[in-house]
Amino acid sequence: MKKKVILLIISILIILFALLGFFTFKSRTIVPSGVIKCYFHLYSPTVKESFNTLLDEFESFYPEITLVRVIEPYQDMKKTLSDDMKTVSDPTSPTIAVLTGQDVNDIFGKSPTSSPWISYTWELYYNTEALSELGYNEESIQSFSTAGFEEFLKEFSPLSKTDRPLFSLGADYYWPWLVWVQHLELLLHNGKNPQGVTPEDWSEGIAYMEFLFDSNLFNSDFRTRNFAWSQLAVNSGESLFVLSDSNIYRNIPPRERDFLGSVPFPGSVGQKWVVGSNFYLEAYASEEVSPNTLAAGDLLLDYLRSEGIRQRFLKQTGIRFLPDQGQRERKDIPSIAHRTIETEMQELLKYLDQKP
């Protein structure tokens, strides 16, 4: 009898310790919850509606998480964020914002956590199916881009034909031509733009461009073609590559955007520069933020960078979200295309107009 009582007591103690461990584990389990302050500039009606739908769905998936949203034109959003950061009323809520690289530095300091999320940079775009038929996959094209411009030309120049040139160019307004010249200048000078904007300042890039023209790597009617045509030419198989910013996606039918691939301008990765601008996804949290709310912020970041969300948003809006690429490594260099209306640019434009 005494032995049975002892065994009963031991059994009860084992059950009590097990329950104690279970409830202790439960109390220590991090459950994503809380309020997250979000600042975005995707404010055009169609894009805003699509983006809000994604955020609504996130909240429906995770009802313990509340997203306080500020979606405004960029400069307005940046001012709201800057003002809010100066007078933080609730330090227990983390902040997630989308900013250009310089604005990340101005508002958050030299942030180690920001990474590119929306790209308006210039890259070489191509049709993955067309290049696949020629024996190239995305990895091999990327490797030739990384190897440098000369290696890229050595590999792909033999594929250029009169009715299907290596590069399509629509330069009836000259600025796509100028962007090409800018990339070549940067390539020749390790990522540095010329100081001035005269033909003499850009002579090396212009000469390199003439060499490419003489090598029959572009469509001969580039002067009468517009930029949109050059983008669509890649999609239709009339050229193999086009140098474009990410607005190319808006000209490609949604069902065909999956076949559009891109690589950085050959040689730019090694020199660590890119023409255009990136918007960075930045997450900030004070020391007062709880582990549960920190986990909620991480969950939102993972959601926004997920492949399913990227593909869905691209098809709906033509805007490409980037996957998590870690810290930013390349210098953003403003495109010269935005300067063509400036008075001092007219001599260079006139010079190009007179070129054969």
Protein backbone atom coordinates (compact mmCIF):
# COMPACT_ATOMS: atom_id res chain seq x y z
CA MET A 1 0.00 0.00 0.00
CA LYS A 2 2.81 2.36 0.96
CA LYS A 3 4.57 1.64 -2.33
CA LYS A 4 1.40 2.49 -4.29
CA VAL A 5 1.07 5.82 -2.47
CA ILE A 6 4.69 6.67 -3.25
CA LEU A 7 4.18 5.78 -6.91
CA LEU A 8 1.02 7.91 -7.00
CA ILE A 9 2.84 10.89 -5.50
CA ILE A 10 5.69 10.50 -8.01
CA SER A 11 3.20 10.33 -10.89
CA ILE A 12 1.44 13.46 -9.69
CA LEU A 13 4.77 15.30 -9.38
CA ILE A 14 5.76 14.24 -12.91
CA ILE A 15 2.46 15.53 -14.28
CA LEU A 16 2.83 18.81 -12.35
CA PHE A 17 6.38 19.35 -13.63
CA ALA A 18 5.25 18.56 -17.18
CA LEU A 19 2.38 21.05 -16.96
CA LEU A 20 4.69 23.66 -15.43
CA GLY A 21 7.13 23.19 -18.32
CA PHE A 22 4.32 23.43 -20.87
CA PHE A 23 2.94 26.68 -19.49
CA THR A 24 6.44 28.11 -19.10
CA PHE A 25 7.11 27.28 -22.78
CA LYS A 26 3.81 28.85 -23.78
CA SER A 27 4.64 32.02 -21.88
CA ARG A 28 8.00 32.26 -23.63
CA THR A 29 6.69 31.56 -27.14
CA ILE A 30 6.84 34.65 -29.33
CA VAL A 31 3.51 35.34 -31.02
CA PRO A 32 3.72 38.04 -33.74
CA SER A 33 1.38 40.83 -32.66
CA GLY A 34 1.13 44.57 -32.15
CA VAL A 35 1.03 47.77 -34.18
CA ILE A 36 3.39 48.52 -37.09
CA LYS A 37 3.69 52.00 -38.61
CA CYS A 38 4.08 51.80 -42.39
CA TYR A 39 5.17 54.60 -44.73
CA PHE A 40 4.87 53.98 -48.48
CA HIS A 41 4.80 56.17 -51.58
CA LEU A 42 2.87 53.81 -53.91
CA TYR A 43 0.06 56.32 -54.17
CA SER A 44 -1.22 56.31 -57.79
CA PRO A 45 -4.86 55.07 -57.72
CA THR A 46 -4.35 51.65 -59.34
CA VAL A 47 -1.08 50.91 -57.54
CA LYS A 48 -2.41 52.15 -54.19
CA GLU A 49 -5.50 49.96 -54.49
CA SER A 50 -3.43 46.88 -55.31
CA PHE A 51 -0.98 47.57 -52.52
CA ASN A 52 -3.69 48.23 -49.96
CA THR A 53 -5.28 44.91 -50.93
CA LEU A 54 -2.00 43.13 -50.15
CA LEU A 55 -1.81 44.84 -46.75
CA ASP A 56 -5.48 44.05 -46.03
CA GLU A 57 -4.82 40.40 -46.76
CA PHE A 58 -1.80 40.41 -44.47
CA GLU A 59 -3.94 41.74 -41.62
CA SER A 60 -6.58 39.09 -42.32
CA PHE A 61 -3.89 36.39 -42.17
CA TYR A 62 -2.54 37.81 -38.91
CA PRO A 63 -5.43 39.47 -36.99
CA GLU A 64 -3.16 40.13 -34.00
CA ILE A 65 -1.17 42.59 -36.14
CA THR A 66 -2.40 46.10 -37.00
CA LEU A 67 -0.84 48.15 -39.79
CA VAL A 68 -1.05 51.94 -39.44
CA ARG A 69 -0.52 53.14 -43.02
CA VAL A 70 0.75 56.38 -44.49
CA ILE A 71 0.59 56.16 -48.32
CA GLU A 72 1.36 59.55 -49.88
CA PRO A 73 3.36 61.13 -52.71
CA TYR A 74 7.03 60.60 -51.97
CA GLN A 75 7.99 64.05 -50.70
CA ASP A 76 4.86 64.25 -48.53
CA MET A 77 5.48 60.79 -47.14
CA LYS A 78 9.11 61.60 -46.40
CA LYS A 79 8.12 64.77 -44.49
CA THR A 80 5.45 62.91 -42.50
CA LEU A 81 7.94 60.20 -41.60
CA SER A 82 10.64 62.70 -40.68
CA ASP A 83 8.24 64.64 -38.44
CA ASP A 84 6.97 61.45 -36.81
CA MET A 85 10.49 60.25 -36.09
CA LYS A 86 11.24 63.53 -34.27
CA THR A 87 8.17 63.25 -32.05
CA VAL A 88 7.69 59.54 -31.45
CA SER A 89 4.46 59.22 -29.49
CA ASP A 90 4.49 55.43 -29.30
CA PRO A 91 8.00 53.94 -29.13
CA THR A 92 6.54 50.43 -28.81
CA SER A 93 5.56 50.36 -32.50
CA PRO A 94 8.26 49.57 -35.09
CA THR A 95 8.48 51.63 -38.28
CA ILE A 96 8.73 50.24 -41.80
CA ALA A 97 9.36 52.72 -44.62
CA VAL A 98 10.40 52.82 -48.27
CA LEU A 99 13.01 55.49 -49.06
CA THR A 100 15.80 56.30 -51.49
CA GLY A 101 19.28 55.51 -50.24
CA GLN A 102 20.18 59.08 -49.30
CA ASP A 103 16.90 59.60 -47.46
CA VAL A 104 17.49 56.41 -45.46
CA ASN A 105 20.78 57.94 -44.33
CA ASP A 106 19.21 61.33 -43.57
CA ILE A 107 16.36 59.96 -41.46
CA PHE A 108 17.74 56.76 -39.94
CA GLY A 109 21.49 57.30 -40.21
CA LYS A 110 23.82 54.82 -41.89
CA SER A 111 21.44 51.90 -41.66
CA PRO A 112 22.80 48.34 -41.81
CA THR A 113 19.32 46.87 -42.24
CA SER A 114 18.01 48.57 -45.39
CA SER A 115 18.01 46.66 -48.67
CA PRO A 116 16.78 47.50 -52.20
CA TRP A 117 13.09 46.73 -52.70
CA ILE A 118 11.83 48.74 -55.70
CA SER A 119 14.24 49.37 -58.53
CA TYR A 120 14.12 52.15 -61.10
CA THR A 121 17.60 51.34 -62.30
CA TRP A 122 18.75 50.61 -65.85
CA GLU A 123 19.56 47.03 -66.80
CA LEU A 124 19.79 44.88 -69.90
CA TYR A 125 16.42 43.18 -70.39
CA TYR A 126 15.83 40.10 -72.54
CA ASN A 127 13.23 37.47 -73.34
CA THR A 128 14.09 34.33 -71.38
CA GLU A 129 12.40 32.02 -73.91
CA ALA A 130 14.25 33.52 -76.88
CA LEU A 131 17.64 33.24 -75.17
CA SER A 132 16.82 29.73 -73.98
CA GLU A 133 16.27 28.64 -77.58
CA LEU A 134 19.78 29.93 -78.31
CA GLY A 135 21.22 27.85 -75.49
CA TYR A 136 21.41 30.38 -72.66
CA ASN A 137 19.74 30.24 -69.27
CA GLU A 138 19.47 33.03 -66.72
CA GLU A 139 22.55 31.84 -64.81
CA SER A 140 24.79 31.83 -67.89
CA ILE A 141 23.60 35.28 -69.01
CA GLN A 142 24.27 36.58 -65.50
CA SER A 143 27.77 35.13 -65.55
CA PHE A 144 28.63 36.92 -68.82
CA SER A 145 27.25 40.17 -67.39
CA THR A 146 29.43 39.79 -64.31
CA ALA A 147 32.49 38.97 -66.43
CA GLY A 148 32.44 42.44 -68.03
CA PHE A 149 31.32 44.24 -71.17
CA GLU A 150 34.07 42.93 -73.44
CA GLU A 151 33.37 39.34 -72.43
CA PHE A 152 29.65 39.95 -72.91
CA LEU A 153 30.19 41.30 -76.43
CA LYS A 154 32.58 38.47 -77.27
CA GLU A 155 29.91 35.93 -76.38
CA PHE A 156 26.78 37.57 -77.80
CA SER A 157 27.96 39.73 -80.74
CA PRO A 158 28.02 36.75 -83.17
CA LEU A 159 24.25 36.40 -82.56
CA SER A 160 23.50 39.88 -83.92
CA LYS A 161 21.64 39.94 -87.25
CA THR A 162 20.26 42.69 -89.47
CA ASP A 163 16.68 41.63 -88.75
CA ARG A 164 17.42 40.78 -85.12
CA PRO A 165 20.22 42.95 -83.71
CA LEU A 166 21.88 42.29 -80.40
CA PHE A 167 20.48 45.54 -78.94
CA SER A 168 17.32 47.47 -79.79
CA LEU A 169 17.44 51.25 -79.52
CA GLY A 170 14.65 53.79 -79.93
CA ALA A 171 16.30 57.19 -79.89
CA ASP A 172 13.97 59.55 -81.71
CA TYR A 173 14.25 61.82 -78.62
CA TYR A 174 17.96 61.01 -78.06
CA TRP A 175 17.83 60.34 -74.34
CA PRO A 176 17.98 56.50 -74.66
CA TRP A 177 21.11 57.10 -76.75
CA LEU A 178 22.47 59.34 -74.03
CA VAL A 179 21.84 56.69 -71.39
CA TRP A 180 23.89 54.24 -73.44
CA VAL A 181 26.70 56.79 -73.73
CA GLN A 182 26.51 57.37 -69.96
CA HIS A 183 26.87 53.66 -69.23
CA LEU A 184 29.88 53.41 -71.51
CA GLU A 185 31.52 56.46 -69.91
CA LEU A 186 30.98 54.98 -66.45
CA LEU A 187 32.42 51.70 -67.64
CA LEU A 188 35.53 53.40 -69.00
CA HIS A 189 36.04 55.50 -65.88
CA ASN A 190 35.24 53.05 -63.12
CA GLY A 191 31.83 54.46 -62.23
CA LYS A 192 32.59 58.18 -62.56
CA ASN A 193 30.49 60.57 -64.64
CA PRO A 194 32.24 63.30 -66.68
CA GLN A 195 32.28 66.67 -64.92
CA GLY A 196 30.70 68.59 -67.79
CA VAL A 197 28.05 67.96 -70.43
CA THR A 198 29.80 69.03 -73.65
CA PRO A 199 30.55 66.59 -76.49
CA GLU A 200 34.22 66.78 -75.49
CA ASP A 201 33.38 65.71 -71.93
CA TRP A 202 31.51 62.64 -73.20
CA SER A 203 33.75 61.94 -76.20
CA GLU A 204 34.99 58.52 -75.06
CA GLY A 205 31.50 57.18 -74.47
CA ILE A 206 30.33 58.62 -77.80
CA ALA A 207 33.28 57.00 -79.61
CA TYR A 208 32.56 53.63 -77.96
CA MET A 209 28.91 53.96 -79.00
CA GLU A 210 29.97 54.64 -82.61
CA PHE A 211 32.08 51.49 -82.50
CA LEU A 212 29.01 49.50 -81.44
CA PHE A 213 26.98 51.10 -84.26
CA ASP A 214 29.69 50.27 -86.78
CA SER A 215 29.71 46.68 -85.48
CA ASN A 216 26.02 46.39 -86.46
CA LEU A 217 24.91 45.61 -82.93
CA PHE A 218 21.91 48.00 -83.03
CA ASN A 219 18.91 48.36 -85.31
CA SER A 220 19.83 50.74 -88.15
CA ASP A 221 16.57 52.70 -87.85
CA PHE A 222 17.12 53.72 -84.23
CA ARG A 223 16.66 57.43 -85.06
CA THR A 224 13.05 56.90 -86.11
CA ARG A 225 12.11 54.41 -83.39
CA ASN A 226 10.80 55.42 -79.98
CA PHE A 227 11.79 54.00 -76.62
CA ALA A 228 8.61 51.94 -76.19
CA TRP A 229 9.31 50.17 -79.50
CA SER A 230 12.79 49.20 -78.31
CA GLN A 231 11.28 47.63 -75.19
CA LEU A 232 8.63 45.70 -77.11
CA ALA A 233 11.23 44.55 -79.67
CA VAL A 234 12.79 42.29 -77.05
CA ASN A 235 9.41 40.82 -76.21
CA SER A 236 8.55 40.18 -79.87
CA GLY A 237 11.93 38.70 -80.79
CA GLU A 238 13.05 41.64 -82.96
CA SER A 239 16.14 42.09 -80.78
CA LEU A 240 17.91 40.15 -78.05
CA PHE A 241 18.58 42.85 -75.44
CA VAL A 242 17.43 46.36 -74.59
CA LEU A 243 18.89 48.80 -72.07
CA SER A 244 15.89 49.98 -70.09
CA ASP A 245 14.65 51.02 -66.68
CA SER A 246 12.02 48.93 -64.90
CA ASN A 247 9.17 50.81 -66.59
CA ILE A 248 9.56 48.22 -69.34
CA TYR A 249 7.18 46.01 -67.34
CA ARG A 250 4.36 48.48 -67.88
CA ASN A 251 4.69 48.15 -71.66
CA ILE A 252 4.73 44.35 -71.62
CA PRO A 253 1.33 42.60 -71.40
CA PRO A 254 0.81 41.16 -67.88
CA ARG A 255 0.64 37.55 -69.04
CA GLU A 256 4.04 37.91 -70.75
CA ARG A 257 5.98 39.60 -67.94
CA ASP A 258 7.11 36.24 -66.58
CA PHE A 259 9.29 35.80 -69.68
CA LEU A 260 11.22 39.03 -69.11
CA GLY A 261 14.65 38.62 -67.57
CA SER A 262 17.33 41.19 -66.77
CA VAL A 263 20.98 41.49 -65.82
CA PRO A 264 23.01 44.47 -64.61
CA PHE A 265 24.88 46.36 -67.32
CA PRO A 266 27.94 44.19 -68.02
CA GLY A 267 30.88 45.27 -65.91
CA SER A 268 28.90 47.48 -63.53
CA VAL A 269 28.70 44.92 -60.72
CA GLY A 270 32.47 44.65 -60.43
CA GLN A 271 32.79 48.44 -60.36
CA LYS A 272 29.85 48.70 -57.91
CA TRP A 273 27.64 51.24 -59.66
CA VAL A 274 24.18 51.34 -61.17
CA VAL A 275 22.40 54.06 -63.16
CA GLY A 276 19.07 55.10 -61.73
CA SER A 277 17.70 54.83 -58.23
CA ASN A 278 16.59 52.18 -55.80
CA PHE A 279 14.01 52.50 -53.08
CA TYR A 280 15.04 50.73 -49.92
CA LEU A 281 12.86 48.86 -47.44
CA GLU A 282 13.92 50.10 -44.04
CA ALA A 283 12.78 48.75 -40.66
CA TYR A 284 13.38 50.70 -37.46
CA ALA A 285 12.54 49.68 -33.91
CA SER A 286 13.35 51.32 -30.57
CA GLU A 287 14.47 49.36 -27.52
CA GLU A 288 10.93 49.56 -26.13
CA VAL A 289 9.50 47.35 -28.89
CA SER A 290 8.48 43.94 -27.55
CA PRO A 291 9.75 40.66 -29.07
CA ASN A 292 6.20 39.91 -30.27
CA THR A 293 6.00 43.19 -32.18
CA LEU A 294 9.51 42.77 -33.56
CA ALA A 295 8.42 39.38 -34.86
CA ALA A 296 5.37 41.05 -36.45
CA GLY A 297 7.67 43.47 -38.30
CA ASP A 298 9.85 40.63 -39.56
CA LEU A 299 6.75 38.79 -40.72
CA LEU A 300 5.59 41.81 -42.74
CA LEU A 301 9.03 42.21 -44.34
CA ASP A 302 9.09 38.53 -45.32
CA TYR A 303 5.58 38.87 -46.75
CA LEU A 304 6.46 41.91 -48.88
CA ARG A 305 9.58 40.20 -50.23
CA SER A 306 7.97 36.82 -50.89
CA GLU A 307 8.01 35.48 -54.44
CA GLY A 308 4.23 35.11 -54.63
CA ILE A 309 3.63 38.74 -53.67
CA ARG A 310 6.36 39.92 -56.06
CA GLN A 311 4.88 38.09 -59.05
CA ARG A 312 1.31 39.08 -58.23
CA PHE A 313 2.10 42.78 -57.80
CA LEU A 314 4.22 42.82 -60.97
CA LYS A 315 1.37 41.42 -63.05
CA GLN A 316 -1.16 43.82 -61.54
CA THR A 317 0.87 47.04 -61.67
CA GLY A 318 4.05 46.55 -63.70
CA ILE A 319 6.13 47.39 -60.61
CA ARG A 320 8.81 44.90 -59.66
CA PHE A 321 9.53 44.22 -56.01
CA LEU A 322 13.04 42.89 -55.42
CA PRO A 323 13.78 39.88 -53.21
CA ASP A 324 15.90 40.40 -50.11
CA GLN A 325 19.39 41.09 -51.45
CA GLY A 326 21.07 41.96 -48.18
CA GLN A 327 22.86 45.27 -47.72
CA ARG A 328 23.15 47.72 -50.55
CA GLU A 329 26.52 47.50 -52.23
CA ARG A 330 26.33 49.52 -55.46
CA LYS A 331 26.35 53.29 -55.80
CA ASP A 332 23.21 54.82 -57.33
CA ILE A 333 24.14 57.23 -60.15
CA PRO A 334 21.37 59.54 -61.46
CA SER A 335 20.40 58.90 -65.07
CA ILE A 336 21.39 61.61 -67.53
CA ALA A 337 18.00 61.06 -69.22
CA HIS A 338 16.37 63.33 -66.63
CA ARG A 339 18.63 66.24 -67.61
CA THR A 340 17.80 66.53 -71.31
CA ILE A 341 15.58 69.59 -70.74
CA GLU A 342 18.44 71.53 -69.13
CA THR A 343 19.90 74.37 -71.20
CA GLU A 344 23.50 73.19 -70.82
CA MET A 345 22.56 69.80 -72.28
CA GLN A 346 21.47 71.21 -75.64
CA GLU A 347 24.96 71.33 -77.17
CA LEU A 348 25.39 67.62 -76.54
CA LEU A 349 21.93 66.82 -77.93
CA LYS A 350 22.60 68.91 -81.04
CA TYR A 351 25.90 67.12 -81.53
CA LEU A 352 24.14 63.75 -81.44
CA ASP A 353 21.53 65.04 -83.89
CA GLN A 354 24.26 65.80 -86.42
CA LYS A 355 25.96 62.43 -86.11
CA PRO A 356 25.53 60.15 -89.16
